[in-house]
Protein backbone atom coordinates (compact mmCIF):
# COMPACT_ATOMS: atom_id res chain seq x y z
CA MET A 1 18.75 -53.19 -6.78
CA SER A 2 19.00 -53.75 -2.81
CA SER A 3 20.73 -57.04 -2.76
CA ILE A 4 24.57 -57.98 -3.59
CA LYS A 5 24.89 -59.20 -7.31
CA ALA A 6 27.81 -59.84 -9.42
CA TRP A 7 27.94 -58.84 -13.11
CA GLY A 8 29.86 -60.69 -16.03
CA LYS A 9 29.23 -63.91 -17.95
CA GLY A 10 26.49 -64.50 -15.36
CA THR A 11 24.87 -63.34 -12.36
CA LYS A 12 25.32 -64.95 -8.82
CA ARG A 13 24.20 -64.07 -5.52
CA LYS A 14 26.39 -64.34 -2.48
CA ALA A 15 24.80 -66.94 0.46
CA ALA A 16 25.35 -63.77 2.90
CA TYR A 17 22.79 -61.78 1.23
CA THR A 18 20.43 -63.94 0.05
CA ALA A 19 16.43 -63.21 -0.03
CA ASN A 20 14.36 -64.78 2.61
CA SER A 21 13.74 -68.30 1.89
CA GLU A 22 10.01 -68.45 1.86
CA SER A 23 10.13 -65.54 -1.19
CA GLU A 24 12.53 -67.53 -2.89
CA GLN A 25 10.51 -70.87 -2.86
CA ALA A 26 7.10 -68.83 -3.94
CA PRO A 27 8.00 -66.14 -6.28
CA LYS A 28 5.38 -63.54 -6.74
CA LEU A 29 5.06 -62.10 -10.18
CA SER A 30 5.84 -58.55 -10.36
CA LYS A 31 4.92 -55.50 -12.53
CA PRO A 32 7.27 -54.38 -15.45
CA GLY A 33 9.95 -52.83 -14.15
CA PRO A 34 11.14 -49.22 -15.56
CA VAL A 35 12.61 -49.22 -19.49
CA PRO A 36 16.49 -48.81 -20.00
CA LEU A 37 16.62 -45.76 -21.83
CA MET A 38 18.41 -47.02 -24.81
CA GLU A 39 15.80 -49.70 -25.27
CA LEU A 40 12.75 -47.12 -25.02
CA ASP A 41 10.47 -47.77 -27.66
CA LEU A 42 8.88 -44.55 -28.73
CA ASP A 43 6.24 -46.37 -30.48
CA LYS A 44 4.93 -47.64 -27.13
CA LEU A 45 4.61 -44.19 -25.55
CA GLU A 46 0.70 -43.37 -25.34
CA PHE A 47 -0.66 -39.98 -25.20
CA SER A 48 -4.23 -38.72 -24.28
CA THR A 49 -6.18 -37.04 -26.79
CA LYS A 50 -7.49 -34.65 -24.58
CA VAL A 51 -5.74 -31.65 -22.64
CA GLU A 52 -6.78 -31.49 -18.93
CA ALA A 53 -6.85 -28.55 -16.34
CA GLY A 54 -4.34 -28.93 -13.39
CA GLY A 55 -4.63 -27.75 -10.13
CA ARG A 56 -2.61 -24.37 -10.55
CA GLY A 57 -3.91 -22.96 -13.77
CA ASP A 58 -1.82 -25.32 -15.82
CA LYS A 59 -2.74 -27.72 -18.20
CA PHE A 60 -1.49 -31.24 -19.08
CA VAL A 61 -1.97 -34.10 -21.37
CA LYS A 62 -1.40 -37.91 -19.72
CA LEU A 63 1.32 -39.80 -21.08
CA THR A 64 1.80 -43.44 -20.45
CA TYR A 65 3.74 -46.19 -21.63
CA ASN A 66 2.85 -49.64 -23.19
CA GLY A 67 -0.50 -50.47 -21.61
CA GLY A 68 -0.93 -47.44 -19.45
CA ARG A 69 1.93 -48.01 -17.11
CA ARG A 70 3.43 -44.87 -15.54
CA LEU A 71 6.72 -43.74 -17.87
CA GLU A 72 9.82 -44.94 -15.90
CA ILE A 73 13.03 -44.80 -17.53
CA ALA A 74 16.55 -46.13 -16.20
CA VAL A 75 19.30 -44.13 -17.32
CA LYS A 76 21.92 -46.30 -15.81
CA THR A 77 21.98 -49.69 -14.52
CA LEU A 78 24.85 -51.45 -12.85
CA PRO A 79 28.07 -51.78 -13.55
CA LYS A 80 27.47 -49.10 -15.64
CA TRP A 81 27.41 -45.40 -14.13
CA CYS A 82 27.61 -42.07 -14.70
CA ARG A 83 29.02 -38.59 -13.21
CA ALA A 84 26.89 -35.81 -11.48
CA PRO A 85 28.63 -32.54 -12.49
CA PHE A 86 26.60 -30.43 -9.87
CA VAL A 87 25.79 -30.89 -6.40
CA ALA A 88 21.82 -31.02 -6.00
CA GLY A 89 19.78 -28.20 -5.11
CA PRO A 90 17.84 -25.14 -6.16
CA PRO A 91 18.99 -23.54 -9.47
CA LYS A 92 21.17 -20.47 -9.20
CA THR A 93 21.68 -17.29 -10.94
CA GLU A 94 25.46 -16.44 -11.89
CA ASP A 95 25.51 -14.41 -8.67
CA GLY A 96 24.70 -17.18 -6.66
CA ASN A 97 21.03 -16.42 -5.78
CA GLU A 98 18.64 -19.31 -5.51
CA LEU A 99 15.61 -19.42 -7.93
CA GLY A 100 12.77 -20.90 -5.76
CA THR A 101 13.31 -23.91 -3.42
CA ALA A 102 12.51 -26.88 -5.59
CA TRP A 103 15.45 -28.89 -6.17
CA GLY A 104 17.21 -30.27 -9.57
CA TRP A 105 20.09 -32.23 -10.43
CA VAL A 106 22.19 -33.04 -13.51
CA VAL A 107 23.82 -36.45 -14.74
CA GLU A 108 25.96 -36.70 -17.73
CA LEU A 109 25.23 -38.64 -20.77
CA THR A 110 26.99 -40.38 -23.40
CA MET A 111 26.39 -39.34 -26.92
CA GLU A 112 24.22 -42.24 -27.76
CA GLU A 113 22.04 -41.51 -24.52
CA TYR A 114 21.88 -38.13 -25.21
CA ASP A 115 20.46 -38.59 -29.16
CA LYS A 116 18.21 -41.30 -27.50
CA TRP A 117 16.54 -38.80 -25.27
CA ALA A 118 16.32 -36.09 -28.08
CA ALA A 119 14.60 -38.58 -30.07
CA PHE A 120 11.98 -38.90 -27.17
CA GLU A 121 11.57 -35.08 -26.80
CA ALA A 122 10.97 -34.95 -30.57
CA HIS A 123 8.50 -37.65 -30.50
CA VAL A 124 6.32 -35.47 -27.87
CA ILE A 125 6.44 -32.62 -29.66
CA LYS A 126 5.31 -34.28 -32.64
CA ASN A 127 2.48 -35.98 -31.01
CA LEU A 128 1.48 -32.52 -29.09
CA GLN A 129 1.12 -30.69 -32.28
CA PRO A 130 -2.51 -30.95 -32.82
CA MET A 131 -3.24 -29.93 -29.21
CA ARG A 132 -0.93 -27.20 -29.18
CA ASN A 133 -3.60 -24.04 -28.83
CA GLU A 134 -5.07 -25.88 -25.84
CA LEU A 135 -1.80 -27.12 -24.23
CA LEU A 136 -0.64 -23.16 -24.61
CA PRO A 137 -3.83 -21.16 -24.22
CA THR A 138 -1.94 -17.73 -23.65
CA GLU A 139 0.55 -18.03 -26.11
CA ALA A 140 -2.04 -18.94 -28.55
CA LYS A 141 -3.76 -15.93 -27.81
CA LYS A 142 -0.51 -14.02 -28.41
CA CYS A 143 -0.34 -15.14 -32.12
CA GLY A 144 -4.07 -14.10 -32.83
CA LYS A 145 -6.81 -16.09 -34.60
CA ALA A 146 -4.82 -18.23 -36.34
CA GLY A 147 -3.00 -19.39 -33.16
CA MET A 148 0.64 -20.99 -32.81
CA ASP A 149 2.37 -22.19 -35.42
CA GLU A 150 4.37 -25.35 -35.42
CA ASN A 151 7.77 -23.82 -35.54
CA TYR A 152 6.47 -21.50 -32.52
CA PHE A 153 5.12 -24.28 -30.82
CA ARG A 154 8.47 -26.15 -30.93
CA MET A 155 10.44 -23.44 -29.54
CA LYS A 156 8.40 -23.63 -26.56
CA TYR A 157 9.36 -27.01 -25.21
CA ASN A 158 11.78 -26.95 -22.18
CA SER A 159 14.40 -29.49 -22.93
CA ARG A 160 16.03 -31.32 -20.15
CA LEU A 161 19.00 -31.91 -22.25
CA MET A 162 22.24 -29.90 -21.58
CA GLN A 163 24.61 -29.86 -24.44
CA GLY A 164 28.23 -30.84 -24.10
CA ASP A 165 31.23 -28.74 -25.08
CA LYS A 166 34.26 -31.01 -26.49
CA ASP A 167 36.70 -27.98 -26.37
CA LYS A 168 36.13 -27.95 -22.54
CA GLY A 169 35.92 -31.36 -21.93
CA TYR A 170 31.79 -31.05 -20.86
CA ALA A 171 29.99 -34.08 -21.40
CA PRO A 172 26.39 -33.92 -22.34
CA GLY A 173 23.95 -33.77 -19.32
CA LEU A 174 20.44 -34.53 -18.42
CA LYS A 175 18.49 -32.54 -15.57
CA MET A 176 15.70 -33.99 -13.32
CA PHE A 177 13.80 -32.63 -10.42
CA ILE A 178 14.32 -34.12 -6.76
CA GLU A 179 11.81 -34.44 -4.35
CA THR A 180 12.43 -32.97 -0.85
CA ASP A 181 9.27 -32.50 0.78
CA THR A 182 8.96 -35.50 2.99
CA GLU A 183 5.26 -35.65 2.66
CA LYS A 184 5.63 -36.56 -0.98
CA GLN A 185 7.55 -39.18 -2.65
CA MET A 186 11.27 -38.75 -2.34
CA PRO A 187 14.00 -40.56 -3.97
CA LYS A 188 15.38 -43.94 -2.71
CA ILE A 189 19.01 -43.04 -2.42
CA GLN A 190 21.41 -46.03 -1.70
CA LYS A 191 25.29 -45.68 -0.95
CA MET A 192 27.53 -48.60 -1.97
CA HIS A 193 30.75 -49.70 -3.29
CA LEU A 194 31.06 -51.13 -6.86
CA ILE A 195 34.21 -53.44 -6.88
CA GLU A 196 36.03 -55.84 -9.06
CA GLY A 197 35.00 -59.83 -8.68
CA ASP A 198 36.71 -62.63 -8.59
CA LYS A 199 36.66 -63.03 -12.42
CA GLU A 200 38.02 -60.66 -15.17
CA GLY A 201 34.97 -58.35 -16.21
CA GLU A 202 32.87 -59.31 -13.27
CA PHE A 203 31.77 -56.41 -10.69
CA GLN A 204 30.40 -56.85 -7.25
CA CYS A 205 28.42 -54.30 -4.78
CA THR A 206 28.93 -54.10 -0.96
CA ARG A 207 25.84 -54.19 1.08
CA PRO A 208 23.79 -50.85 0.64
CA LYS A 209 23.24 -48.18 3.02
CA LYS A 210 20.72 -45.74 3.00
CA GLY A 211 21.43 -42.38 1.77
CA THR A 212 19.67 -38.86 1.44
CA VAL A 213 19.37 -36.12 -0.85
CA ASN A 214 22.22 -34.39 0.94
CA ASP A 215 24.54 -37.20 -0.75
CA LEU A 216 23.73 -35.97 -4.14
CA LYS A 217 27.11 -34.26 -4.46
CA ARG A 218 29.27 -32.72 -6.96
CA GLY A 219 31.49 -35.42 -8.47
CA ALA A 220 29.20 -38.38 -7.53
CA ALA A 221 29.07 -41.73 -9.25
CA VAL A 222 25.51 -42.27 -10.38
CA SER A 223 24.04 -45.85 -10.93
CA SER A 224 20.42 -47.50 -11.03
CA LEU A 225 19.08 -44.21 -11.97
CA ILE A 226 15.21 -44.54 -12.66
CA LEU A 227 13.47 -41.35 -13.63
CA SER A 228 9.36 -41.35 -13.26
CA LEU A 229 7.31 -38.99 -15.07
CA VAL A 230 5.29 -36.79 -13.25
CA ARG A 231 1.62 -36.99 -14.41
CA GLY A 232 2.10 -36.25 -18.07
CA VAL A 233 3.26 -33.49 -20.52
CA TYR A 234 2.63 -30.10 -19.19
CA GLY A 235 1.87 -27.11 -20.31
CA GLY A 236 2.12 -23.41 -18.70
CA GLY A 237 3.65 -20.02 -18.41
CA ALA A 238 7.06 -21.32 -19.06
CA GLY A 239 6.14 -23.65 -21.94
CA PHE A 240 5.46 -27.21 -22.20
CA GLY A 241 7.44 -30.31 -21.17
CA CYS A 242 8.06 -33.61 -19.22
CA LYS A 243 8.86 -33.38 -15.65
CA PHE A 244 10.90 -36.10 -14.34
CA SER A 245 11.57 -36.78 -10.67
CA ALA A 246 14.47 -39.11 -9.82
CA THR A 247 12.76 -42.06 -7.72
CA SER A 248 15.68 -44.18 -7.20
CA ILE A 249 19.36 -43.50 -7.14
CA ASP A 250 22.52 -45.76 -6.22
CA LEU A 251 25.61 -44.01 -5.37
CA LEU A 252 28.99 -45.36 -5.73
CA THR A 253 30.89 -43.75 -2.95
CA ASN A 254 34.14 -45.30 -3.91
CA LEU A 255 34.26 -43.89 -7.12
CA GLN A 256 33.23 -40.28 -6.01
CA GLU A 257 35.55 -37.90 -7.53
CA THR A 258 37.04 -35.00 -5.03
CA GLY A 259 37.79 -31.62 -5.75
CA GLY A 260 41.07 -31.39 -4.03
CA PRO A 261 44.34 -31.58 -5.92
CA LYS A 262 45.83 -35.16 -6.62
CA VAL A 263 48.84 -36.03 -4.46
CA ASP A 264 52.03 -37.30 -6.05
CA TYR A 265 52.83 -40.79 -4.10
CA THR A 266 55.85 -41.74 -6.57
CA GLY A 267 58.54 -44.02 -4.58
CA VAL A 268 55.62 -44.73 -1.81
CA THR A 269 54.20 -48.15 -1.36
CA PHE A 270 50.86 -48.57 0.94
CA VAL A 271 51.17 -51.42 3.29
CA ASP A 272 47.55 -53.40 4.75
CA LEU A 273 47.95 -52.09 8.21
CA PRO A 274 45.64 -49.71 9.60
CA THR A 275 46.74 -46.32 10.84
CA PRO A 276 46.46 -46.15 14.58
CA GLU A 277 44.45 -43.63 16.55
CA ASP A 278 46.02 -40.77 18.68
CA GLY A 279 47.46 -42.68 21.48
CA GLU A 280 47.74 -45.84 20.30
CA ASP A 281 50.97 -48.09 19.88
CA GLU A 282 52.72 -48.05 16.41
CA PRO A 283 51.71 -51.22 14.73
CA GLU A 284 54.96 -53.29 13.71
CA LEU A 285 55.86 -52.61 10.32
CA ILE A 286 57.82 -54.64 7.66
CA ALA A 287 60.57 -52.36 6.46
CA VAL A 288 60.45 -51.26 2.92
CA GLY A 289 63.48 -50.57 0.83
CA GLU A 290 63.90 -46.85 -0.19
CA GLY A 291 63.03 -46.18 -3.88
CA GLU A 292 61.88 -49.75 -4.64
CA GLY A 293 58.64 -50.19 -6.76
CA GLU A 294 56.46 -47.39 -8.17
CA GLY A 295 53.94 -45.28 -6.33
CA GLU A 296 50.39 -46.61 -5.90
CA ASP A 297 47.34 -44.64 -5.39
CA PRO A 298 45.77 -45.40 -1.69
CA ALA A 299 42.29 -45.89 -3.47
CA SER A 300 41.60 -49.03 -5.24
CA PRO A 301 41.71 -49.23 -8.85
CA ALA A 302 37.82 -47.88 -10.06
CA PRO A 303 36.22 -48.91 -13.10
CA SER A 304 35.89 -45.82 -15.45
CA GLY A 305 32.70 -44.54 -16.08
CA ASP A 306 31.07 -43.31 -19.13
CA SER A 307 32.20 -39.62 -19.05
CA GLU A 308 34.40 -37.50 -17.13
CA GLY A 309 34.61 -33.66 -16.73
CA GLU A 310 33.33 -30.96 -14.05
CA ARG A 311 31.84 -27.58 -14.56
CA VAL A 312 30.36 -24.69 -12.76
CA ASN A 313 26.97 -24.50 -11.98
CA THR A 314 25.00 -21.47 -13.44
CA ALA A 315 21.78 -20.08 -13.78
CA ASP A 316 19.24 -22.68 -14.84
CA ASP A 317 15.67 -22.14 -16.22
CA PRO A 318 12.73 -21.75 -14.16
CA ALA A 319 11.01 -24.23 -16.38
CA LEU A 320 13.23 -26.86 -14.79
CA TYR A 321 10.71 -26.88 -12.08
CA PRO A 322 7.15 -26.73 -13.49
CA PRO A 323 4.03 -27.25 -11.15
CA PRO A 324 3.45 -30.64 -9.95
């Protein structure tokens, strides 16, 4: 993910950015990587049969994947990308007041990805049903000796999904946790450009630059997004669910949306000459006939993402940030 790659019929590596020769001569076996969302096998999800006590009065059930691996899901892989409709930060009320200090973020999903994540959540609920009274003892006590019924337990699940709105042009979304404590595992954030390659259908990336959580802006184009499950399925006063923390994010900065209006450049041609700094001599320009050609956007043509649309960030449920 950190090296320059081209995608198309085959994968090639540019000589200027190859890994060191020693590692190429003696490759090491690596542990299995994150599973792509659309390839997530629900039958390989492994639930503990024991409800354990957390450090803050909460409960949790360990959840691993395919042989005890930590559950890590790749939502997007290059060259595919998605849009972030909100800036990252603490959730806010409609009046703009922050609800706590924990950061969250949202990325848009296709309907196929939305349905896949919904199937994952339904699978979690089904497997936790036998332990529902132990996972949510306070709620079970409210229900009397019989405890919670299955429907009530299902309603207590804190989904990470946001429904889309076709009429308003909103795509479905997925919420995640963004760690900002420098003493804990913060997400690895890289900034790069995705550009067209030499062949049709081929894309390349520029050399990645290090980014920070402050680069997680509204309108960002997001790829190589890896979400890692924190501990397992939690249970507490706000219900139960799965807390996923973003551990790796690639930002395609040349595809980021801006909030300003688009300028009409009809009748203007942009030439491949630098704009001089203040005080510098004007570069020698080649005259362009008035009215010749059609206007061009100064930005390079960008591959389209999976979804478009913006929305205003409104209040989020406090359950987005369950106990760690």
